[in-house]
Amino acid sequence: MDTPSRTAATDHHADPGRDVGPGFGPDADAGTADTVELSAGPLAYTTAGSATGPTLVLLHGLMGDGSLWDACVADLAADHRCVVPTLPLGAHRHAMRDDADLSLTRIAALVGEFLDTLGLDDVTLVGNDTGGALVQLLIDDDDAARDATREDGRHGTDRVARVVLVSCDAFDNYPPGLTGRTLVLTGRLSPRLFGAFMQQMRLRLVRRLPIAFGWLTRRGDAATARWMRPTYTRNDIRRDTVRVLRSARADARALAAAGERLPAYERPALVVWASEDRVMPPAHGRRLAELLPQGRLVEIDDSLTLIPLDQPERLAAAIREFTAEGRGSAAGGAAEPGPAASAATGD
């Protein structure tokens, strides 16, 4: 197999028929956009921030792209290196290969391959929504992501030093809630019919329904409207999305199994949850923090699942505190585990 390689993203940005791409929303910090060629196909990503600060790799969920993290990156880039891939989960601009396995387990392996190809080490891996499920699958010792081991003996799991799970799919909650179940049902359609069904998402009234994004974000409608654009016009993106959705049954089993093995993950872990989440049960956040040996919980109010859109400043503050503790423990030895729960409730 050819060695994966990086290419400048200016090629696809120059295409006048396409959107400007992920990671460059109105709140994005200045950074660079690139594309990396991986085994499943080309993956767009952005990099911003300090070259010497802690490395954050931030993962989004189904029907989203890397711009989910724009406001957080604008904050965190002052003292972190922020790397944000756009995964093939429905709002991507580069179609995957025809024979690519787009189950969540294999997309988790693709994240590991991404870390390997870019040579990222000591990574804080952050996932929101489906992105949090990918984090769990990647760090699972028995997960198929270990199949991505490279010739040098390294694989993506080795490169992850700590994790942050942000209001995400966990345990038996995949597909999550009414929103997720509705989306998976649409995956039974052909790519063309799926695209026809998604045309109604052009209307804000439809996007704000509980079966769409209404129970996922309070303040992020502009972002969700942007995420839908590839499915309106591109059959290759619709094809990829349908393939992801059709793997839901097997993915649910894999995620449940990974949850059972979380006590084996002994590296630092932060769980950040929306206390008013209607799709990802707050009880799941508490349970994740209890199962992870070095887990701790921060609950954020006045937010739904997509905390990076609803409360980016509070989320960035929680992540910054977490990575600062990691730097302190590296300098002065092992740190004591943090409290089981804390709150970020604002003024």
C-alpha atoms as a PDB file:
ATOM      1  CA  MET A   1       0.000   0.000   0.000  1.00  0.00           C
ATOM      2  CA  ASP A   2       1.259   3.469  -0.821  1.00  0.00           C
ATOM      3  CA  THR A   3       2.536   5.530   2.056  1.00  0.00           C
ATOM      4  CA  PRO A   4      -0.078   8.056   3.191  1.00  0.00           C
ATOM      5  CA  SER A   5       0.972  11.599   2.462  1.00  0.00           C
ATOM      6  CA  ARG A   6       0.001  15.156   3.203  1.00  0.00           C
ATOM      7  CA  THR A   7      -1.069  17.677   0.584  1.00  0.00           C
ATOM      8  CA  ALA A   8      -2.010  21.319   0.773  1.00  0.00           C
ATOM      9  CA  ALA A   9      -5.687  21.985   1.135  1.00  0.00           C
ATOM     10  CA  THR A  10      -5.579  24.877  -1.279  1.00  0.00           C
ATOM     11  CA  ASP A  11      -6.387  22.510  -4.156  1.00  0.00           C
ATOM     12  CA  HIS A  12      -9.859  21.676  -2.914  1.00  0.00           C
ATOM     13  CA  HIS A  13     -10.465  25.165  -1.570  1.00  0.00           C
ATOM     14  CA  ALA A  14      -9.853  26.501  -5.061  1.00  0.00           C
ATOM     15  CA  ASP A  15     -12.808  24.548  -6.457  1.00  0.00           C
ATOM     16  CA  PRO A  16     -15.523  27.212  -6.891  1.00  0.00           C
ATOM     17  CA  GLY A  17     -18.248  24.580  -6.661  1.00  0.00           C
ATOM     18  CA  ARG A  18     -17.413  23.655  -3.091  1.00  0.00           C
ATOM     19  CA  ASP A  19     -17.767  25.259   0.284  1.00  0.00           C
ATOM     20  CA  VAL A  20     -14.703  26.885   1.830  1.00  0.00           C
ATOM     21  CA  GLY A  21     -14.217  23.805   3.972  1.00  0.00           C
ATOM     22  CA  PRO A  22     -14.233  22.966   7.668  1.00  0.00           C
ATOM     23  CA  GLY A  23     -12.374  24.832  10.341  1.00  0.00           C
ATOM     24  CA  PHE A  24     -12.800  28.302   8.868  1.00  0.00           C
ATOM     25  CA  GLY A  25     -16.083  29.462  10.364  1.00  0.00           C
ATOM     26  CA  PRO A  26     -16.517  33.004  11.663  1.00  0.00           C
ATOM     27  CA  ASP A  27     -15.005  32.166  15.057  1.00  0.00           C
ATOM     28  CA  ALA A  28     -11.969  30.227  13.809  1.00  0.00           C
ATOM     29  CA  ASP A  29      -8.513  31.236  14.963  1.00  0.00           C
ATOM     30  CA  ALA A  30      -5.888  31.780  12.280  1.00  0.00           C
ATOM     31  CA  GLY A  31      -4.337  28.483  11.275  1.00  0.00           C
ATOM     32  CA  THR A  32      -3.473  26.276   8.340  1.00  0.00           C
ATOM     33  CA  ALA A  33      -5.574  23.802   6.371  1.00  0.00           C
ATOM     34  CA  ASP A  34      -4.171  20.606   4.896  1.00  0.00           C
ATOM     35  CA  THR A  35      -5.256  17.271   3.516  1.00  0.00           C
ATOM     36  CA  VAL A  36      -3.660  13.954   4.428  1.00  0.00           C
ATOM     37  CA  GLU A  37      -4.003  10.824   2.305  1.00  0.00           C
ATOM     38  CA  LEU A  38      -4.968   7.842   4.469  1.00  0.00           C
ATOM     39  CA  SER A  39      -5.889   4.250   3.699  1.00  0.00           C
ATOM     40  CA  ALA A  40      -9.626   5.051   3.423  1.00  0.00           C
ATOM     41  CA  GLY A  41      -9.146   8.254   1.423  1.00  0.00           C
ATOM     42  CA  PRO A  42      -8.164  11.908   1.841  1.00  0.00           C
ATOM     43  CA  LEU A  43      -8.837  13.583   5.182  1.00  0.00           C
ATOM     44  CA  ALA A  44      -8.988  17.365   5.596  1.00  0.00           C
ATOM     45  CA  TYR A  45      -7.713  18.894   8.806  1.00  0.00           C
ATOM     46  CA  THR A  46      -6.725  22.235  10.280  1.00  0.00           C
ATOM     47  CA  THR A  47      -3.889  23.129  12.620  1.00  0.00           C
ATOM     48  CA  ALA A  48      -3.735  26.248  14.774  1.00  0.00           C
ATOM     49  CA  GLY A  49      -1.930  27.551  17.810  1.00  0.00           C
ATOM     50  CA  SER A  50       1.341  27.115  19.631  1.00  0.00           C
ATOM     51  CA  ALA A  51       3.894  24.732  18.165  1.00  0.00           C
ATOM     52  CA  THR A  52       5.287  24.128  21.659  1.00  0.00           C
ATOM     53  CA  GLY A  53       2.034  23.837  23.616  1.00  0.00           C
ATOM     54  CA  PRO A  54       0.181  20.617  24.453  1.00  0.00           C
ATOM     55  CA  THR A  55      -1.288  18.901  21.405  1.00  0.00           C
ATOM     56  CA  LEU A  56      -5.055  18.625  21.244  1.00  0.00           C
ATOM     57  CA  VAL A  57      -6.762  16.513  18.586  1.00  0.00           C
ATOM     58  CA  LEU A  58     -10.458  17.351  18.529  1.00  0.00           C
ATOM     59  CA  LEU A  59     -13.091  15.033  17.038  1.00  0.00           C
ATOM     60  CA  HIS A  60     -16.630  15.892  15.939  1.00  0.00           C
ATOM     61  CA  GLY A  61     -19.727  13.728  15.529  1.00  0.00           C
ATOM     62  CA  LEU A  62     -22.167  12.482  12.899  1.00  0.00           C
ATOM     63  CA  MET A  63     -23.338  15.058  10.344  1.00  0.00           C
ATOM     64  CA  GLY A  64     -20.746  17.519  11.622  1.00  0.00           C
ATOM     65  CA  ASP A  65     -17.293  18.711  10.622  1.00  0.00           C
ATOM     66  CA  GLY A  66     -14.237  20.202  12.261  1.00  0.00           C
ATOM     67  CA  SER A  67     -15.828  23.640  12.502  1.00  0.00           C
ATOM     68  CA  LEU A  68     -17.651  22.328  15.586  1.00  0.00           C
ATOM     69  CA  TRP A  69     -14.472  23.301  17.441  1.00  0.00           C
ATOM     70  CA  ASP A  70     -13.864  26.762  15.914  1.00  0.00           C
ATOM     71  CA  ALA A  71     -14.751  28.802  19.000  1.00  0.00           C
ATOM     72  CA  CYS A  72     -12.839  26.470  21.330  1.00  0.00           C
ATOM     73  CA  VAL A  73      -9.790  26.567  19.063  1.00  0.00           C
ATOM     74  CA  ALA A  74      -9.914  30.365  18.985  1.00  0.00           C
ATOM     75  CA  ASP A  75      -9.493  30.238  22.772  1.00  0.00           C
ATOM     76  CA  LEU A  76      -7.193  27.240  23.222  1.00  0.00           C
ATOM     77  CA  ALA A  77      -4.789  28.093  20.391  1.00  0.00           C
ATOM     78  CA  ALA A  78      -3.168  30.733  22.587  1.00  0.00           C
ATOM     79  CA  ASP A  79      -1.295  27.994  24.462  1.00  0.00           C
ATOM     80  CA  HIS A  80      -2.115  24.706  22.700  1.00  0.00           C
ATOM     81  CA  ARG A  81      -1.484  23.111  19.355  1.00  0.00           C
ATOM     82  CA  CYS A  82      -4.982  22.342  18.046  1.00  0.00           C
ATOM     83  CA  VAL A  83      -5.350  19.733  15.303  1.00  0.00           C
ATOM     84  CA  VAL A  84      -8.881  19.265  13.989  1.00  0.00           C
ATOM     85  CA  PRO A  85      -9.673  16.598  11.372  1.00  0.00           C
ATOM     86  CA  THR A  86     -12.950  16.438   9.484  1.00  0.00           C
ATOM     87  CA  LEU A  87     -13.919  12.777   9.552  1.00  0.00           C
ATOM     88  CA  PRO A  88     -16.123  10.971   6.984  1.00  0.00           C
ATOM     89  CA  LEU A  89     -19.275  11.315   9.064  1.00  0.00           C
ATOM     90  CA  GLY A  90     -21.583  13.177   6.693  1.00  0.00           C
ATOM     91  CA  ALA A  91     -20.306  16.761   6.405  1.00  0.00           C
ATOM     92  CA  HIS A  92     -16.898  15.991   4.884  1.00  0.00           C
ATOM     93  CA  ARG A  93     -15.795  17.419   1.522  1.00  0.00           C
ATOM     94  CA  HIS A  94     -13.509  14.590   0.364  1.00  0.00           C
ATOM     95  CA  ALA A  95     -15.246  11.321  -0.466  1.00  0.00           C
ATOM     96  CA  MET A  96     -13.710   8.088   0.764  1.00  0.00           C
ATOM     97  CA  ARG A  97     -12.653   5.198  -1.457  1.00  0.00           C
ATOM     98  CA  ASP A  98     -15.376   2.916  -2.781  1.00  0.00           C
ATOM     99  CA  ASP A  99     -14.101  -0.046  -0.748  1.00  0.00           C
ATOM    100  CA  ALA A 100     -13.476   1.858   2.500  1.00  0.00           C
ATOM    101  CA  ASP A 101     -15.001   0.369   5.670  1.00  0.00           C
ATOM    102  CA  LEU A 102     -16.845   3.267   7.304  1.00  0.00           C
ATOM    103  CA  SER A 103     -18.004   1.577  10.491  1.00  0.00           C
ATOM    104  CA  LEU A 104     -17.197   3.560  13.630  1.00  0.00           C
ATOM    105  CA  THR A 105     -14.638   0.948  14.627  1.00  0.00           C
ATOM    106  CA  ARG A 106     -12.720   1.500  11.417  1.00  0.00           C
ATOM    107  CA  ILE A 107     -13.111   5.275  11.566  1.00  0.00           C
ATOM    108  CA  ALA A 108     -11.565   5.056  15.041  1.00  0.00           C
ATOM    109  CA  ALA A 109      -8.696   3.162  13.436  1.00  0.00           C
ATOM    110  CA  LEU A 110      -8.521   5.940  10.852  1.00  0.00           C
ATOM    111  CA  VAL A 111      -8.047   8.446  13.684  1.00  0.00           C
ATOM    112  CA  GLY A 112      -5.146   6.317  14.925  1.00  0.00           C
ATOM    113  CA  GLU A 113      -3.709   6.279  11.407  1.00  0.00           C
ATOM    114  CA  PHE A 114      -4.107  10.056  11.273  1.00  0.00           C
ATOM    115  CA  LEU A 115      -2.096  10.460  14.494  1.00  0.00           C
ATOM    116  CA  ASP A 116       0.579   8.136  13.135  1.00  0.00           C
ATOM    117  CA  THR A 117       0.866   9.820   9.761  1.00  0.00           C
ATOM    118  CA  LEU A 118       1.210  13.274  11.273  1.00  0.00           C
ATOM    119  CA  GLY A 119       3.615  11.925  13.916  1.00  0.00           C
ATOM    120  CA  LEU A 120       1.599  13.374  16.805  1.00  0.00           C
ATOM    121  CA  ASP A 121       2.682  12.268  20.288  1.00  0.00           C
ATOM    122  CA  ASP A 122       1.553  13.011  23.849  1.00  0.00           C
ATOM    123  CA  VAL A 123      -1.883  13.798  22.421  1.00  0.00           C
ATOM    124  CA  THR A 124      -4.903  14.893  24.405  1.00  0.00           C
ATOM    125  CA  LEU A 125      -7.688  13.303  22.358  1.00  0.00           C
ATOM    126  CA  VAL A 126     -11.001  15.138  22.706  1.00  0.00           C
ATOM    127  CA  GLY A 127     -14.323  13.884  21.346  1.00  0.00           C
ATOM    128  CA  ASN A 128     -17.837  15.310  21.422  1.00  0.00           C
ATOM    129  CA  ASP A 129     -21.016  13.509  20.324  1.00  0.00           C
ATOM    130  CA  THR A 130     -19.998  10.585  18.059  1.00  0.00           C
ATOM    131  CA  GLY A 131     -16.420  11.841  18.375  1.00  0.00           C
ATOM    132  CA  GLY A 132     -16.467  10.680  22.001  1.00  0.00           C
ATOM    133  CA  ALA A 133     -17.499   7.207  20.865  1.00  0.00           C
ATOM    134  CA  LEU A 134     -14.501   7.192  18.528  1.00  0.00           C
ATOM    135  CA  VAL A 135     -12.221   8.098  21.446  1.00  0.00           C
ATOM    136  CA  GLN A 136     -13.575   5.157  23.462  1.00  0.00           C
ATOM    137  CA  LEU A 137     -13.116   2.763  20.546  1.00  0.00           C
ATOM    138  CA  LEU A 138      -9.558   3.937  19.900  1.00  0.00           C
ATOM    139  CA  ILE A 139      -8.376   3.552  23.490  1.00  0.00           C
ATOM    140  CA  ASP A 140     -10.053   0.160  23.869  1.00  0.00           C
ATOM    141  CA  ASP A 141      -7.211  -2.367  24.135  1.00  0.00           C
ATOM    142  CA  ASP A 142      -9.254  -5.036  22.374  1.00  0.00           C
ATOM    143  CA  ASP A 143     -10.606  -2.759  19.664  1.00  0.00           C
ATOM    144  CA  ALA A 144      -9.849  -3.281  15.988  1.00  0.00           C
ATOM    145  CA  ALA A 145      -8.073   0.076  16.010  1.00  0.00           C
ATOM    146  CA  ARG A 146      -5.020  -1.901  17.106  1.00  0.00           C
ATOM    147  CA  ASP A 147      -4.967  -3.373  13.602  1.00  0.00           C
ATOM    148  CA  ALA A 148      -3.545  -0.049  12.475  1.00  0.00           C
ATOM    149  CA  THR A 149      -0.117  -0.856  13.995  1.00  0.00           C
ATOM    150  CA  ARG A 150       2.647   0.503  11.779  1.00  0.00           C
ATOM    151  CA  GLU A 151       5.932  -1.099  10.840  1.00  0.00           C
ATOM    152  CA  ASP A 152       7.735   0.834  13.583  1.00  0.00           C
ATOM    153  CA  GLY A 153       5.532  -0.845  16.187  1.00  0.00           C
ATOM    154  CA  ARG A 154       3.634   2.351  17.011  1.00  0.00           C
ATOM    155  CA  HIS A 155      -0.087   2.831  16.673  1.00  0.00           C
ATOM    156  CA  GLY A 156      -2.536   5.588  17.417  1.00  0.00           C
ATOM    157  CA  THR A 157      -3.383   4.354  20.905  1.00  0.00           C
ATOM    158  CA  ASP A 158       0.248   4.724  22.011  1.00  0.00           C
ATOM    159  CA  ARG A 159       0.195   8.351  20.949  1.00  0.00           C
ATOM    160  CA  VAL A 160      -2.752   9.280  23.194  1.00  0.00           C
ATOM    161  CA  ALA A 161      -1.620  10.452  26.631  1.00  0.00           C
ATOM    162  CA  ARG A 162      -5.018  11.531  27.966  1.00  0.00           C
ATOM    163  CA  VAL A 163      -8.609  11.799  26.806  1.00  0.00           C
ATOM    164  CA  VAL A 164     -11.547  14.178  27.131  1.00  0.00           C
ATOM    165  CA  LEU A 165     -15.064  12.837  26.573  1.00  0.00           C
ATOM    166  CA  VAL A 166     -17.562  15.632  25.944  1.00  0.00           C
ATOM    167  CA  SER A 167     -21.288  14.713  26.111  1.00  0.00           C
ATOM    168  CA  CYS A 168     -20.997  11.691  23.878  1.00  0.00           C
ATOM    169  CA  ASP A 169     -22.398   8.328  22.856  1.00  0.00           C
ATOM    170  CA  ALA A 170     -21.621   5.684  25.472  1.00  0.00           C
ATOM    171  CA  PHE A 171     -22.710   2.264  26.675  1.00  0.00           C
ATOM    172  CA  ASP A 172     -26.052   1.321  25.082  1.00  0.00           C
ATOM    173  CA  ASN A 173     -26.816   4.832  23.796  1.00  0.00           C
ATOM    174  CA  TYR A 174     -25.912   4.356  20.141  1.00  0.00           C
ATOM    175  CA  PRO A 175     -27.554   5.520  18.011  1.00  0.00           C
ATOM    176  CA  PRO A 176     -28.259   8.182  20.625  1.00  0.00           C
ATOM    177  CA  GLY A 177     -31.798   9.155  21.497  1.00  0.00           C
ATOM    178  CA  LEU A 178     -34.559  10.144  19.096  1.00  0.00           C
ATOM    179  CA  THR A 179     -32.105  12.162  17.019  1.00  0.00           C
ATOM    180  CA  GLY A 180     -29.744   9.256  16.410  1.00  0.00           C
ATOM    181  CA  ARG A 181     -32.452   6.664  15.807  1.00  0.00           C
ATOM    182  CA  THR A 182     -34.118   8.879  13.212  1.00  0.00           C
ATOM    183  CA  LEU A 183     -30.839   9.463  11.415  1.00  0.00           C
ATOM    184  CA  VAL A 184     -29.996   5.749  11.326  1.00  0.00           C
ATOM    185  CA  LEU A 185     -33.417   4.992   9.843  1.00  0.00           C
ATOM    186  CA  THR A 186     -32.659   7.354   6.956  1.00  0.00           C
ATOM    187  CA  GLY A 187     -29.539   5.290   6.285  1.00  0.00           C
ATOM    188  CA  ARG A 188     -31.772   2.563   4.899  1.00  0.00           C
ATOM    189  CA  LEU A 189     -32.477   4.820   1.921  1.00  0.00           C
ATOM    190  CA  SER A 190     -30.366   4.846  -1.204  1.00  0.00           C
ATOM    191  CA  PRO A 191     -27.813   7.688  -1.309  1.00  0.00           C
ATOM    192  CA  ARG A 192     -29.984   9.600  -3.780  1.00  0.00           C
ATOM    193  CA  LEU A 193     -33.147   9.237  -1.678  1.00  0.00           C
ATOM    194  CA  PHE A 194     -31.144  10.080   1.454  1.00  0.00           C
ATOM    195  CA  GLY A 195     -30.141  13.321  -0.254  1.00  0.00           C
ATOM    196  CA  ALA A 196     -33.731  14.048  -1.174  1.00  0.00           C
ATOM    197  CA  PHE A 197     -34.816  13.478   2.427  1.00  0.00           C
ATOM    198  CA  MET A 198     -32.091  15.791   3.714  1.00  0.00           C
ATOM    199  CA  GLN A 199     -33.210  18.674   1.480  1.00  0.00           C
ATOM    200  CA  GLN A 200     -35.782  19.614   4.118  1.00  0.00           C
ATOM    201  CA  MET A 201     -32.883  20.458   6.459  1.00  0.00           C
ATOM    202  CA  ARG A 202     -32.476  23.656   4.454  1.00  0.00           C
ATOM    203  CA  LEU A 203     -35.340  24.995   6.579  1.00  0.00           C
ATOM    204  CA  ARG A 204     -34.416  26.275  10.038  1.00  0.00           C
ATOM    205  CA  LEU A 205     -37.782  25.084  11.355  1.00  0.00           C
ATOM    206  CA  VAL A 206     -36.853  21.511  10.414  1.00  0.00           C
ATOM    207  CA  ARG A 207     -33.286  21.746  11.727  1.00  0.00           C
ATOM    208  CA  ARG A 208     -34.635  22.845  15.114  1.00  0.00           C
ATOM    209  CA  LEU A 209     -36.888  19.807  15.502  1.00  0.00           C
ATOM    210  CA  PRO A 210     -35.959  17.236  18.203  1.00  0.00           C
ATOM    211  CA  ILE A 211     -35.388  14.623  15.475  1.00  0.00           C
ATOM    212  CA  ALA A 212     -32.765  16.913  13.893  1.00  0.00           C
ATOM    213  CA  PHE A 213     -30.519  19.333  15.818  1.00  0.00           C
ATOM    214  CA  GLY A 214     -33.123  20.813  18.169  1.00  0.00           C
ATOM    215  CA  TRP A 215     -32.045  18.701  21.153  1.00  0.00           C
ATOM    216  CA  LEU A 216     -28.339  18.902  20.291  1.00  0.00           C
ATOM    217  CA  THR A 217     -27.609  22.635  20.391  1.00  0.00           C
ATOM    218  CA  ARG A 218     -29.223  25.860  21.583  1.00  0.00           C
ATOM    219  CA  ARG A 219     -26.960  28.341  19.811  1.00  0.00           C
ATOM    220  CA  GLY A 220     -25.378  26.514  16.887  1.00  0.00           C
ATOM    221  CA  ASP A 221     -27.950  26.659  14.096  1.00  0.00           C
ATOM    222  CA  ALA A 222     -25.616  28.504  11.716  1.00  0.00           C
ATOM    223  CA  ALA A 223     -23.034  25.745  12.060  1.00  0.00           C
ATOM    224  CA  THR A 224     -25.570  22.947  11.591  1.00  0.00           C
ATOM    225  CA  ALA A 225     -26.932  24.634   8.467  1.00  0.00           C
ATOM    226  CA  ARG A 226     -23.404  24.704   7.037  1.00  0.00           C
ATOM    227  CA  TRP A 227     -22.803  21.050   7.886  1.00  0.00           C
ATOM    228  CA  MET A 228     -25.761  19.930   5.776  1.00  0.00           C
ATOM    229  CA  ARG A 229     -24.501  21.409   2.509  1.00  0.00           C
ATOM    230  CA  PRO A 230     -22.478  18.436   1.194  1.00  0.00           C
ATOM    231  CA  THR A 231     -25.475  16.099   1.437  1.00  0.00           C
ATOM    232  CA  TYR A 232     -27.603  18.439  -0.667  1.00  0.00           C
ATOM    233  CA  THR A 233     -25.511  18.217  -3.820  1.00  0.00           C
ATOM    234  CA  ARG A 234     -22.887  15.467  -3.638  1.00  0.00           C
ATOM    235  CA  ASN A 235     -23.887  11.865  -4.142  1.00  0.00           C
ATOM    236  CA  ASP A 236     -20.406  10.608  -3.181  1.00  0.00           C
ATOM    237  CA  ILE A 237     -20.741  12.205   0.261  1.00  0.00           C
ATOM    238  CA  ARG A 238     -24.273  10.828   0.607  1.00  0.00           C
ATOM    239  CA  ARG A 239     -22.903   7.390  -0.296  1.00  0.00           C
ATOM    240  CA  ASP A 240     -20.287   7.608   2.459  1.00  0.00           C
ATOM    241  CA  THR A 241     -22.850   8.796   5.013  1.00  0.00           C
ATOM    242  CA  VAL A 242     -25.266   5.975   4.250  1.00  0.00           C
ATOM    243  CA  ARG A 243     -22.426   3.477   4.681  1.00  0.00           C
ATOM    244  CA  VAL A 244     -21.683   4.899   8.134  1.00  0.00           C
ATOM    245  CA  LEU A 245     -25.332   4.743   9.168  1.00  0.00           C
ATOM    246  CA  ARG A 246     -25.815   1.173   7.953  1.00  0.00           C
ATOM    247  CA  SER A 247     -23.088  -0.057  10.303  1.00  0.00           C
ATOM    248  CA  ALA A 248     -24.990   1.173  13.371  1.00  0.00           C
ATOM    249  CA  ARG A 249     -25.957  -2.238  14.734  1.00  0.00           C
ATOM    250  CA  ALA A 250     -22.399  -3.573  14.770  1.00  0.00           C
ATOM    251  CA  ASP A 251     -21.115  -0.219  16.028  1.00  0.00           C
ATOM    252  CA  ALA A 252     -23.544  -0.341  18.965  1.00  0.00           C
ATOM    253  CA  ARG A 253     -22.158  -3.708  20.041  1.00  0.00           C
ATOM    254  CA  ALA A 254     -18.558  -2.491  19.722  1.00  0.00           C
ATOM    255  CA  LEU A 255     -19.236   0.645  21.765  1.00  0.00           C
ATOM    256  CA  ALA A 256     -21.000  -1.295  24.522  1.00  0.00           C
ATOM    257  CA  ALA A 257     -18.059  -3.716  24.713  1.00  0.00           C
ATOM    258  CA  ALA A 258     -15.574  -0.845  24.828  1.00  0.00           C
ATOM    259  CA  GLY A 259     -17.513   0.671  27.733  1.00  0.00           C
ATOM    260  CA  GLU A 260     -17.101  -2.510  29.723  1.00  0.00           C
ATOM    261  CA  ARG A 261     -13.323  -2.246  29.367  1.00  0.00           C
ATOM    262  CA  LEU A 262     -12.942   1.397  30.371  1.00  0.00           C
ATOM    263  CA  PRO A 263     -11.602   0.456  33.845  1.00  0.00           C
ATOM    264  CA  ALA A 264      -8.498  -0.829  32.046  1.00  0.00           C
ATOM    265  CA  TYR A 265      -7.669   2.652  30.749  1.00  0.00           C
ATOM    266  CA  GLU A 266      -5.330   4.043  33.400  1.00  0.00           C
ATOM    267  CA  ARG A 267      -4.305   7.326  31.802  1.00  0.00           C
ATOM    268  CA  PRO A 268      -5.831  10.688  32.793  1.00  0.00           C
ATOM    269  CA  ALA A 269      -9.389  11.219  31.600  1.00  0.00           C
ATOM    270  CA  LEU A 270     -11.745  14.164  31.815  1.00  0.00           C
ATOM    271  CA  VAL A 271     -15.494  13.808  31.268  1.00  0.00           C
ATOM    272  CA  VAL A 272     -17.333  17.039  30.428  1.00  0.00           C
ATOM    273  CA  TRP A 273     -21.105  16.790  30.242  1.00  0.00           C
ATOM    274  CA  ALA A 274     -24.029  19.085  29.599  1.00  0.00           C
ATOM    275  CA  SER A 275     -26.112  18.883  32.765  1.00  0.00           C
ATOM    276  CA  GLU A 276     -29.287  19.508  30.729  1.00  0.00           C
ATOM    277  CA  ASP A 277     -28.448  17.092  27.892  1.00  0.00           C
ATOM    278  CA  ARG A 278     -31.538  15.452  26.392  1.00  0.00           C
ATOM    279  CA  VAL A 279     -29.719  13.074  24.020  1.00  0.00           C
ATOM    280  CA  MET A 280     -26.691  11.921  26.019  1.00  0.00           C
ATOM    281  CA  PRO A 281     -27.962  11.084  29.549  1.00  0.00           C
ATOM    282  CA  PRO A 282     -26.072  12.987  32.282  1.00  0.00           C
ATOM    283  CA  ALA A 283     -26.022   9.714  34.219  1.00  0.00           C
ATOM    284  CA  HIS A 284     -23.746   8.341  31.515  1.00  0.00           C
ATOM    285  CA  GLY A 285     -21.256  11.131  32.150  1.00  0.00           C
ATOM    286  CA  ARG A 286     -21.175  10.277  35.835  1.00  0.00           C
ATOM    287  CA  ARG A 287     -20.797   6.586  35.053  1.00  0.00           C
ATOM    288  CA  LEU A 288     -17.907   7.200  32.638  1.00  0.00           C
ATOM    289  CA  ALA A 289     -16.062   9.266  35.254  1.00  0.00           C
ATOM    290  CA  GLU A 290     -16.546   6.502  37.821  1.00  0.00           C
ATOM    291  CA  LEU A 291     -15.356   3.721  35.512  1.00  0.00           C
ATOM    292  CA  LEU A 292     -12.195   5.478  34.354  1.00  0.00           C
ATOM    293  CA  PRO A 293      -9.512   5.015  37.062  1.00  0.00           C
ATOM    294  CA  GLN A 294      -8.236   8.592  36.622  1.00  0.00           C
ATOM    295  CA  GLY A 295     -11.573   9.997  35.502  1.00  0.00           C
ATOM    296  CA  ARG A 296     -13.171  13.162  36.746  1.00  0.00           C
ATOM    297  CA  LEU A 297     -16.392  14.899  35.796  1.00  0.00           C
ATOM    298  CA  VAL A 298     -17.154  18.520  34.957  1.00  0.00           C
ATOM    299  CA  GLU A 299     -20.798  19.387  34.342  1.00  0.00           C
ATOM    300  CA  ILE A 300     -21.705  22.465  32.302  1.00  0.00           C
ATOM    301  CA  ASP A 301     -25.110  24.070  32.493  1.00  0.00           C
ATOM    302  CA  ASP A 302     -27.075  26.061  29.882  1.00  0.00           C
ATOM    303  CA  SER A 303     -25.935  23.718  27.118  1.00  0.00           C
ATOM    304  CA  LEU A 304     -27.133  20.753  25.138  1.00  0.00           C
ATOM    305  CA  THR A 305     -24.961  17.991  23.636  1.00  0.00           C
ATOM    306  CA  LEU A 306     -22.855  20.193  21.364  1.00  0.00           C
ATOM    307  CA  ILE A 307     -21.066  22.029  24.165  1.00  0.00           C
ATOM    308  CA  PRO A 308     -18.393  23.382  21.744  1.00  0.00           C
ATOM    309  CA  LEU A 309     -21.200  25.412  20.125  1.00  0.00           C
ATOM    310  CA  ASP A 310     -23.260  26.260  23.202  1.00  0.00           C
ATOM    311  CA  GLN A 311     -20.574  26.911  25.850  1.00  0.00           C
ATOM    312  CA  PRO A 312     -17.160  27.028  24.140  1.00  0.00           C
ATOM    313  CA  GLU A 313     -15.488  29.265  26.739  1.00  0.00           C
ATOM    314  CA  ARG A 314     -16.404  27.003  29.657  1.00  0.00           C
ATOM    315  CA  LEU A 315     -15.373  23.906  27.735  1.00  0.00           C
ATOM    316  CA  ALA A 316     -12.053  25.474  26.733  1.00  0.00           C
ATOM    317  CA  ALA A 317     -11.418  26.433  30.369  1.00  0.00           C
ATOM    318  CA  ALA A 318     -12.042  22.851  31.520  1.00  0.00           C
ATOM    319  CA  ILE A 319      -9.713  21.453  28.854  1.00  0.00           C
ATOM    320  CA  ARG A 320      -7.000  24.011  29.654  1.00  0.00           C
ATOM    321  CA  GLU A 321      -7.103  23.155  33.359  1.00  0.00           C
ATOM    322  CA  PHE A 322      -6.887  19.446  32.514  1.00  0.00           C
ATOM    323  CA  THR A 323      -3.859  19.779  30.217  1.00  0.00           C
ATOM    324  CA  ALA A 324      -2.143  22.089  32.711  1.00  0.00           C
ATOM    325  CA  GLU A 325      -2.425  19.341  35.324  1.00  0.00           C
ATOM    326  CA  GLY A 326      -0.837  16.973  32.823  1.00  0.00           C
ATOM    327  CA  ARG A 327       2.127  19.295  32.342  1.00  0.00           C
ATOM    328  CA  GLY A 328       2.468  19.648  36.106  1.00  0.00           C
ATOM    329  CA  SER A 329       2.509  15.900  36.676  1.00  0.00           C
ATOM    330  CA  ALA A 330       5.072  15.419  33.913  1.00  0.00           C
ATOM    331  CA  ALA A 331       7.339  17.947  35.581  1.00  0.00           C
ATOM    332  CA  GLY A 332       6.852  16.862  39.164  1.00  0.00           C
ATOM    333  CA  GLY A 333       5.850  13.237  39.088  1.00  0.00           C
ATOM    334  CA  ALA A 334       2.498  11.541  39.196  1.00  0.00           C
ATOM    335  CA  ALA A 335      -0.396  13.735  40.201  1.00  0.00           C
ATOM    336  CA  GLU A 336      -3.099  12.710  42.590  1.00  0.00           C
ATOM    337  CA  PRO A 337      -6.384  11.827  40.864  1.00  0.00           C
ATOM    338  CA  GLY A 338      -8.803  14.745  40.783  1.00  0.00           C
ATOM    339  CA  PRO A 339     -12.234  14.919  42.375  1.00  0.00           C
ATOM    340  CA  ALA A 340     -14.948  12.709  40.975  1.00  0.00           C
ATOM    341  CA  ALA A 341     -17.084  15.653  39.973  1.00  0.00           C
ATOM    342  CA  SER A 342     -17.022  19.413  39.708  1.00  0.00           C
ATOM    343  CA  ALA A 343     -19.186  22.028  38.052  1.00  0.00           C
ATOM    344  CA  ALA A 344     -18.749  24.802  35.508  1.00  0.00           C
ATOM    345  CA  THR A 345     -21.899  26.780  35.956  1.00  0.00           C
ATOM    346  CA  GLY A 346     -20.831  30.298  35.065  1.00  0.00           C
ATOM    347  CA  ASP A 347     -21.228  33.457  37.030  1.00  0.00           C
END
